Protein backbone atom coordinates (compact mmCIF):
# COMPACT_ATOMS: atom_id res chain seq x y z
CA ASN A 1 3.81 27.81 17.33
CA ALA A 2 1.76 28.58 14.21
CA GLN A 3 1.58 32.07 12.76
CA ILE A 4 -0.45 33.37 9.84
CA HIS A 5 0.97 36.06 7.56
CA LYS A 6 -0.40 37.59 4.38
CA LEU A 7 2.45 37.80 1.85
CA ASP A 8 3.09 37.49 -1.85
CA MET A 9 4.02 33.84 -2.34
CA PRO A 10 7.44 34.31 -3.99
CA ASP A 11 8.56 36.44 -1.05
CA VAL A 12 7.85 33.70 1.49
CA GLU A 13 10.95 32.09 2.98
CA ALA A 14 10.05 28.54 3.97
CA ASP A 15 11.52 25.06 3.95
CA VAL A 16 8.31 23.67 2.47
CA LEU A 17 5.62 25.22 0.27
CA ILE A 18 2.20 23.54 0.21
CA TYR A 19 -0.45 24.63 -2.26
CA SER A 20 -3.37 23.24 -4.23
CA THR A 21 -3.36 22.66 -7.97
CA ASN A 22 -5.64 21.09 -10.56
CA VAL A 23 -5.90 17.54 -11.93
CA ILE A 24 -3.72 18.25 -14.97
CA LEU A 25 -1.13 20.11 -12.91
CA ILE A 26 -1.47 23.26 -15.01
CA CYS A 27 0.08 26.30 -13.33
CA SER A 28 -2.52 28.69 -14.71
CA GLY A 29 -3.41 30.74 -11.66
CA GLY A 30 -2.71 31.43 -8.02
CA VAL A 31 0.41 29.95 -6.48
CA GLY A 32 1.18 27.74 -9.49
CA ALA A 33 1.23 30.72 -11.84
CA ARG A 34 3.44 32.67 -9.44
CA LEU A 35 5.86 29.73 -9.32
CA VAL A 36 6.14 29.75 -13.12
CA ASP A 37 6.48 33.55 -13.16
CA ARG A 38 9.27 33.47 -10.60
CA TYR A 39 11.17 30.28 -11.49
CA GLY A 40 10.38 29.71 -15.18
CA GLY A 41 8.57 27.33 -17.48
CA HIS A 42 10.57 24.34 -16.27
CA VAL A 43 8.24 24.35 -13.22
CA GLN A 44 5.34 23.46 -15.50
CA LYS A 45 7.40 20.95 -17.48
CA GLY A 46 8.50 19.23 -14.28
CA LEU A 47 4.92 18.80 -13.10
CA HIS A 48 3.85 17.35 -16.42
CA GLN A 49 6.82 15.00 -16.29
CA LEU A 50 5.48 13.69 -12.96
CA LEU A 51 2.22 12.75 -14.69
CA ASP A 52 4.09 11.20 -17.64
CA ASP A 53 6.36 9.18 -15.34
CA GLN A 54 3.30 7.68 -13.66
CA LYS A 55 1.53 7.21 -17.01
CA LEU A 56 -1.32 9.47 -15.90
CA LYS A 57 -3.34 11.85 -18.06
CA HIS A 58 -4.66 13.55 -14.93
CA ALA A 59 -4.12 13.29 -11.21
CA GLY A 60 -6.73 12.08 -8.78
CA ARG A 61 -8.37 14.00 -6.01
CA GLY A 62 -6.48 13.63 -2.74
CA LEU A 63 -3.04 13.09 -4.29
CA ILE A 64 0.11 14.94 -3.32
CA PHE A 65 3.01 15.44 -5.71
CA GLN A 66 6.40 16.47 -4.42
CA HIS A 67 8.51 18.43 -6.87
CA VAL A 68 11.06 21.21 -6.46
CA SER A 69 12.25 22.91 -9.65
CA ALA A 70 15.71 24.35 -10.16
CA GLY A 71 16.13 27.72 -8.51
CA MET A 72 13.45 27.26 -5.88
CA PRO A 73 14.70 28.00 -2.36
CA CYS A 74 12.40 25.40 -0.72
CA LYS A 75 13.51 21.94 0.30
CA LYS A 76 10.10 20.61 -0.69
CA VAL A 77 7.12 21.82 -2.68
CA LEU A 78 3.97 19.79 -2.14
CA HIS A 79 1.47 20.18 -4.97
CA THR A 80 -1.88 18.96 -3.60
CA LEU A 81 -5.10 18.01 -5.34
CA PRO A 82 -8.12 18.72 -3.13
CA CYS A 83 -10.58 18.68 -6.06
CA ASP A 84 -11.41 16.49 -9.01
CA GLY A 85 -11.80 17.72 -12.59
CA PHE A 86 -15.19 19.20 -11.74
CA TYR A 87 -13.78 21.03 -8.67
CA GLU A 88 -15.67 18.73 -6.34
CA THR A 89 -14.17 17.71 -3.03
CA SER A 90 -15.22 16.50 0.40
CA PRO A 91 -14.72 17.63 3.97
CA GLU A 92 -12.62 14.52 4.57
CA ILE A 93 -10.16 15.43 1.81
CA ILE A 94 -9.98 19.05 2.97
CA VAL A 95 -8.92 17.79 6.41
CA ASP A 96 -6.76 14.89 5.19
CA LEU A 97 -4.51 16.69 2.67
CA PRO A 98 -3.05 19.30 5.03
CA HIS A 99 -2.74 16.68 7.75
CA ARG A 100 -0.73 14.36 5.47
CA CYS A 101 1.45 17.23 4.26
CA LEU A 102 2.19 18.49 7.76
CA THR A 103 2.84 14.94 9.01
CA GLU A 104 5.41 14.51 6.25
CA CYS A 105 7.00 17.85 7.16
CA ALA A 106 7.16 16.93 10.84
CA ALA A 107 8.93 13.66 9.98
CA SER A 108 11.52 15.38 7.76
CA PRO A 109 14.76 16.59 9.38
CA GLY A 110 15.57 20.25 8.83
CA ILE A 111 12.00 21.33 8.15
CA ASN A 112 11.22 24.29 10.39
CA LYS A 113 9.00 26.62 8.37
CA VAL A 114 6.04 25.65 6.18
CA ALA A 115 4.10 27.98 3.91
């Protein structure tokens, strides 16, 4: 039973947080910036470490990175990339990313609320 609520992101209580970010995983605005504001600079460092671990300078359109920083109440945070470096995307990616994220959530025990 899906419900839509308008809330400030840090106040959302959910098992999983899904949001979109940019190809260099910079938390400069929107949800990413609020995550850094609320949980600290290690959020940004953790995302950059994901790129370093995969020997990437930037992430590709359509990718999903899973990373939860210390202090976050979520079981999972899914950082999605719907756009490339020029903010171009496609209808297929816009449909595919949420579908893949929600499929992963549905397959994970203990996941009841997604934001």
